[in-house]
Amino acid sequence: MIWNHFLLAAGISASTWLLAAFIPKRELVRNGLVLTGIASIAIFIGFLWISLGRPPLRTLGETRLWYAFFLPIIGFLTYWRWRYNWILYYSLALSLLFLFINYMHPENFSKTLMPALQSPWFVPHVVVYIFAYAFLAASSLVAIRGLYQEYKGQLQPKIMLMADNLVYLGFSFLTLGLLFGALWAKEAWGHYWTWDPKETWAFITWLGYLVYIHRRHQMPSKFKSSLWILALAFVILLICWFGVNYLPSAQYSVHTYSQQP
């Protein structure tokens, strides 16, 4: 039944967002369709939470579902603030991609929480990271757009302001995620930090965006190099999110619970 509800929610979101893409000039109607698609995913997440009796934050499939929910929200708010249509459509496309991946690789939503995850820090740690990754994913889209504009010789300073604001928000949540993770680790395993592969790459990701912020502060007129740093920082983020699970050292990681049956 959960899978059937997922297909219904994903179908509503996909159909409303695709319809919104065909009526870009009717802003009020388009915005209503975008919000309808977001609401569909929100309702499914709520239903899933109740059905599982736990926060749906354990498996990669469940976290992809949250990204599919948060990305269009961030894209819509960014569009509302800066009036860039492309960021809205890019965020909707990425959200649909996450929904499609979940369709092609469905997760076993009945998985129970292992003892280490039965902690009051579990939900805030994962949620703030989801917010961080969603904001930083949006900033990477801005970076790609900025690099394209720079290549065409049409780079607009306004796009750097958008990138900065998205990174500042994402970096704030990223920092909170590290702090909450340390408190959770202390409670679950007795140590705030153990240089576990996942922890190490999370710290490298944090440093990557700190380099961007430092570069923008020290050399605000150097747009191209800042955009490249921002784009490469997102590659590091993807390694932290997905790639670290495939490293040989990951088999000894305490964070491989997301891959366990």
Foldseek 3Di string as FASTA:
>chain_A
DLVVLLCVLLVLLVVLQVVLVVPVPVPVSSVVSNVRSLVSLVVSQVVLCVVQVHRQQQAPLSLLSLLLNVQLVVLVVLCVVVVDPVLNNVSNVSSNVSSVVCVVPPDDSNDDDDPLCPDPLNVLLRVLLSLLLSLLVSLLVLLVVQLVCVVVVNHDLVSVVSSVVSLVSSLVSLVVNLQSCLVSCCVRPNGSDDVFLLNVLSVVLSVLSVVLVVCCVVPVPPSNVSSVSSNVSSVSVCCSVPVSCPDPSNVVGPSCSNVDD
